[in-house]
Amino acid sequence: MIFYTLNVVICKGLLKAVDVGGGMTIHLFGGYFGVICAFFFNGSRAVKDEERRGVGGYSSNTIAFIGTMFLFMYFPSFNAAML
């Protein structure tokens, strides 16, 4: 919450950016969080994957694909609803 609030203060306070639904600040925070997690992630352990935790099954891959397709198709409507 501290870093998200800091992100909101920077976007709205310093940059004077208008964010009607809060989508810009939450997605910007998510992007920063992903970059920081990737920086601190130990990639050599993930490449080995001796316990095969990173391998998805057919159903999990299919569900992820369908979810991605729905998000890709309907994402512009999320932005158009704010106008």
N, C-alpha and C. Protein backbone atom coordinates (compact mmCIF):
# COMPACT_ATOMS: atom_id res chain seq x y z
N MET A 1 0.81 -1.19 0.00
CA MET A 1 0.00 0.00 0.00
C MET A 1 0.86 1.25 0.00
N ILE A 2 2.00 1.18 0.63
CA ILE A 2 2.86 2.35 0.68
C ILE A 2 3.33 2.73 -0.72
N PHE A 3 3.79 1.75 -1.48
CA PHE A 3 4.31 2.04 -2.82
C PHE A 3 3.20 2.41 -3.80
N TYR A 4 2.02 1.82 -3.64
CA TYR A 4 0.90 2.19 -4.50
C TYR A 4 0.48 3.64 -4.21
N THR A 5 0.42 4.01 -2.93
CA THR A 5 0.07 5.38 -2.57
C THR A 5 1.12 6.35 -3.07
N LEU A 6 2.37 5.99 -2.99
CA LEU A 6 3.43 6.82 -3.54
C LEU A 6 3.26 6.99 -5.04
N ASN A 7 2.88 5.93 -5.72
CA ASN A 7 2.63 5.99 -7.15
C ASN A 7 1.47 6.94 -7.46
N VAL A 8 0.40 6.89 -6.67
CA VAL A 8 -0.74 7.78 -6.88
C VAL A 8 -0.34 9.23 -6.64
N VAL A 9 0.44 9.48 -5.61
CA VAL A 9 0.87 10.84 -5.31
C VAL A 9 1.73 11.39 -6.44
N ILE A 10 2.61 10.57 -6.99
CA ILE A 10 3.46 11.02 -8.09
C ILE A 10 2.63 11.29 -9.34
N CYS A 11 1.72 10.37 -9.68
CA CYS A 11 0.92 10.54 -10.90
C CYS A 11 -0.04 11.71 -10.81
N LYS A 12 -0.77 11.79 -9.71
CA LYS A 12 -1.80 12.83 -9.60
C LYS A 12 -1.25 14.15 -9.05
N GLY A 13 -0.32 14.05 -8.13
CA GLY A 13 0.19 15.26 -7.50
C GLY A 13 1.27 15.96 -8.30
N LEU A 14 2.33 15.24 -8.61
CA LEU A 14 3.46 15.86 -9.30
C LEU A 14 3.23 16.01 -10.80
N LEU A 15 2.73 14.96 -11.43
CA LEU A 15 2.55 14.99 -12.89
C LEU A 15 1.22 15.59 -13.32
N LYS A 16 0.28 15.76 -12.37
CA LYS A 16 -1.06 16.31 -12.65
C LYS A 16 -1.78 15.51 -13.73
N ALA A 17 -1.60 14.19 -13.73
CA ALA A 17 -2.25 13.31 -14.71
C ALA A 17 -3.67 13.02 -14.26
N VAL A 18 -4.61 13.07 -15.20
CA VAL A 18 -6.01 12.79 -14.92
C VAL A 18 -6.24 11.30 -15.10
N ASP A 19 -6.70 10.64 -14.04
CA ASP A 19 -6.94 9.21 -14.07
C ASP A 19 -8.34 8.95 -13.51
N VAL A 20 -9.32 8.90 -14.39
CA VAL A 20 -10.72 8.84 -13.98
C VAL A 20 -11.03 7.56 -13.21
N GLY A 21 -10.71 6.42 -13.75
CA GLY A 21 -11.07 5.16 -13.12
C GLY A 21 -9.97 4.55 -12.26
N GLY A 22 -8.81 5.14 -12.22
CA GLY A 22 -7.70 4.58 -11.46
C GLY A 22 -6.94 3.50 -12.21
N GLY A 23 -7.24 3.30 -13.46
CA GLY A 23 -6.59 2.25 -14.24
C GLY A 23 -5.13 2.52 -14.52
N MET A 24 -4.80 3.79 -14.74
CA MET A 24 -3.41 4.12 -15.05
C MET A 24 -2.50 3.85 -13.86
N THR A 25 -2.93 4.25 -12.68
CA THR A 25 -2.06 4.11 -11.51
C THR A 25 -1.92 2.64 -11.10
N ILE A 26 -2.98 1.87 -11.17
CA ILE A 26 -2.88 0.47 -10.75
C ILE A 26 -2.06 -0.34 -11.75
N HIS A 27 -2.21 -0.06 -13.04
CA HIS A 27 -1.43 -0.80 -14.03
C HIS A 27 0.04 -0.37 -14.04
N LEU A 28 0.28 0.89 -13.78
CA LEU A 28 1.66 1.36 -13.66
C LEU A 28 2.34 0.72 -12.45
N PHE A 29 1.60 0.64 -11.35
CA PHE A 29 2.14 -0.04 -10.17
C PHE A 29 2.41 -1.51 -10.45
N GLY A 30 1.50 -2.17 -11.15
CA GLY A 30 1.70 -3.57 -11.52
C GLY A 30 2.91 -3.77 -12.40
N GLY A 31 3.13 -2.83 -13.31
CA GLY A 31 4.31 -2.91 -14.17
C GLY A 31 5.60 -2.75 -13.37
N TYR A 32 5.63 -1.78 -12.47
CA TYR A 32 6.81 -1.60 -11.62
C TYR A 32 7.04 -2.84 -10.75
N PHE A 33 5.97 -3.39 -10.20
CA PHE A 33 6.08 -4.56 -9.34
C PHE A 33 6.64 -5.74 -10.13
N GLY A 34 6.19 -5.93 -11.37
CA GLY A 34 6.69 -7.02 -12.20
C GLY A 34 8.17 -6.87 -12.52
N VAL A 35 8.59 -5.65 -12.81
CA VAL A 35 10.00 -5.41 -13.12
C VAL A 35 10.87 -5.68 -11.90
N ILE A 36 10.43 -5.24 -10.74
CA ILE A 36 11.21 -5.47 -9.52
C ILE A 36 11.26 -6.96 -9.17
N CYS A 37 10.15 -7.68 -9.33
CA CYS A 37 10.15 -9.12 -9.07
C CYS A 37 11.08 -9.85 -10.03
N ALA A 38 11.07 -9.44 -11.29
CA ALA A 38 11.96 -10.07 -12.27
C ALA A 38 13.42 -9.79 -11.95
N PHE A 39 13.71 -8.61 -11.39
CA PHE A 39 15.08 -8.26 -11.05
C PHE A 39 15.60 -9.13 -9.91
N PHE A 40 14.75 -9.39 -8.91
CA PHE A 40 15.18 -10.16 -7.75
C PHE A 40 14.94 -11.67 -7.89
N PHE A 41 14.35 -12.10 -8.99
CA PHE A 41 14.05 -13.51 -9.20
C PHE A 41 15.33 -14.25 -9.55
N ASN A 42 15.50 -15.43 -8.97
CA ASN A 42 16.69 -16.24 -9.22
C ASN A 42 16.43 -17.09 -10.46
N GLY A 43 16.90 -16.66 -11.59
CA GLY A 43 16.61 -17.32 -12.85
C GLY A 43 17.28 -18.67 -13.02
N SER A 44 18.42 -18.89 -12.40
CA SER A 44 19.11 -20.17 -12.58
C SER A 44 18.33 -21.33 -11.96
N ARG A 45 17.64 -21.08 -10.85
CA ARG A 45 16.81 -22.13 -10.25
C ARG A 45 15.60 -22.41 -11.12
N ALA A 46 15.08 -21.41 -11.79
CA ALA A 46 13.90 -21.60 -12.63
C ALA A 46 14.24 -22.36 -13.90
N VAL A 47 15.44 -22.19 -14.41
CA VAL A 47 15.84 -22.88 -15.62
C VAL A 47 15.98 -24.37 -15.36
N LYS A 48 16.49 -24.74 -14.20
CA LYS A 48 16.66 -26.17 -13.87
C LYS A 48 15.31 -26.86 -13.71
N ASP A 49 14.43 -26.31 -12.89
CA ASP A 49 13.06 -26.82 -12.68
C ASP A 49 13.04 -28.33 -12.50
N GLU A 50 13.77 -28.81 -11.50
CA GLU A 50 13.88 -30.25 -11.26
C GLU A 50 12.57 -30.88 -10.82
N GLU A 51 11.70 -30.11 -10.17
CA GLU A 51 10.43 -30.64 -9.69
C GLU A 51 9.31 -30.45 -10.71
N ARG A 52 9.62 -29.89 -11.85
CA ARG A 52 8.68 -29.65 -12.95
C ARG A 52 7.46 -28.85 -12.52
N ARG A 53 7.72 -27.78 -11.74
CA ARG A 53 6.63 -26.92 -11.29
C ARG A 53 6.19 -25.94 -12.37
N GLY A 54 7.06 -25.63 -13.31
CA GLY A 54 6.74 -24.65 -14.33
C GLY A 54 6.05 -25.23 -15.55
N VAL A 55 5.80 -26.52 -15.56
CA VAL A 55 5.18 -27.16 -16.71
C VAL A 55 3.67 -27.18 -16.50
N GLY A 56 2.94 -26.59 -17.41
CA GLY A 56 1.49 -26.58 -17.30
C GLY A 56 0.89 -27.75 -18.06
N GLY A 57 -0.27 -28.14 -17.64
CA GLY A 57 -0.99 -29.20 -18.32
C GLY A 57 -1.80 -28.65 -19.48
N TYR A 58 -2.46 -29.53 -20.19
CA TYR A 58 -3.25 -29.12 -21.35
C TYR A 58 -4.40 -28.20 -20.93
N SER A 59 -5.11 -28.56 -19.87
CA SER A 59 -6.28 -27.77 -19.46
C SER A 59 -5.86 -26.40 -18.94
N SER A 60 -4.79 -26.31 -18.17
CA SER A 60 -4.37 -25.01 -17.65
C SER A 60 -3.88 -24.10 -18.79
N ASN A 61 -3.20 -24.66 -19.77
CA ASN A 61 -2.77 -23.86 -20.91
C ASN A 61 -3.96 -23.40 -21.74
N THR A 62 -4.96 -24.26 -21.90
CA THR A 62 -6.15 -23.89 -22.66
C THR A 62 -6.93 -22.79 -21.96
N ILE A 63 -7.10 -22.90 -20.66
CA ILE A 63 -7.82 -21.88 -19.90
C ILE A 63 -7.07 -20.55 -19.94
N ALA A 64 -5.75 -20.59 -19.83
CA ALA A 64 -4.96 -19.36 -19.92
C ALA A 64 -5.08 -18.73 -21.29
N PHE A 65 -5.10 -19.53 -22.33
CA PHE A 65 -5.24 -19.03 -23.69
C PHE A 65 -6.60 -18.38 -23.89
N ILE A 66 -7.66 -19.04 -23.43
CA ILE A 66 -9.01 -18.49 -23.58
C ILE A 66 -9.14 -17.18 -22.80
N GLY A 67 -8.61 -17.14 -21.59
CA GLY A 67 -8.64 -15.90 -20.80
C GLY A 67 -7.89 -14.77 -21.48
N THR A 68 -6.75 -15.09 -22.07
CA THR A 68 -5.99 -14.07 -22.79
C THR A 68 -6.75 -13.56 -24.00
N MET A 69 -7.42 -14.45 -24.71
CA MET A 69 -8.19 -14.04 -25.88
C MET A 69 -9.37 -13.15 -25.49
N PHE A 70 -10.07 -13.50 -24.40
CA PHE A 70 -11.17 -12.64 -23.95
C PHE A 70 -10.66 -11.27 -23.54
N LEU A 71 -9.54 -11.23 -22.82
CA LEU A 71 -8.98 -9.94 -22.43
C LEU A 71 -8.55 -9.13 -23.64
N PHE A 72 -7.97 -9.78 -24.62
CA PHE A 72 -7.53 -9.10 -25.83
C PHE A 72 -8.72 -8.55 -26.62
N MET A 73 -9.80 -9.32 -26.69
CA MET A 73 -10.95 -8.88 -27.47
C MET A 73 -11.75 -7.78 -26.78
N TYR A 74 -11.90 -7.85 -25.47
CA TYR A 74 -12.78 -6.93 -24.77
C TYR A 74 -12.05 -5.78 -24.07
N PHE A 75 -10.73 -5.73 -24.13
CA PHE A 75 -10.00 -4.66 -23.44
C PHE A 75 -10.33 -3.27 -23.95
N PRO A 76 -10.48 -3.05 -25.25
CA PRO A 76 -10.84 -1.67 -25.68
C PRO A 76 -12.16 -1.19 -25.10
N SER A 77 -13.08 -2.08 -24.81
CA SER A 77 -14.36 -1.64 -24.24
C SER A 77 -14.18 -1.12 -22.82
N PHE A 78 -13.17 -1.59 -22.09
CA PHE A 78 -12.92 -1.06 -20.76
C PHE A 78 -12.53 0.42 -20.86
N ASN A 79 -11.70 0.75 -21.82
CA ASN A 79 -11.27 2.13 -21.98
C ASN A 79 -12.38 3.00 -22.56
N ALA A 80 -13.19 2.47 -23.46
CA ALA A 80 -14.24 3.24 -24.09
C ALA A 80 -15.35 3.55 -23.10
N ALA A 81 -15.53 2.75 -22.07
CA ALA A 81 -16.59 2.99 -21.10
C ALA A 81 -16.33 4.25 -20.28
N MET A 82 -15.08 4.64 -20.16
CA MET A 82 -14.75 5.83 -19.36
C MET A 82 -15.02 7.14 -20.12
N LEU A 83 -15.13 7.07 -21.42
CA LEU A 83 -15.30 8.31 -22.19
C LEU A 83 -16.67 8.81 -22.17
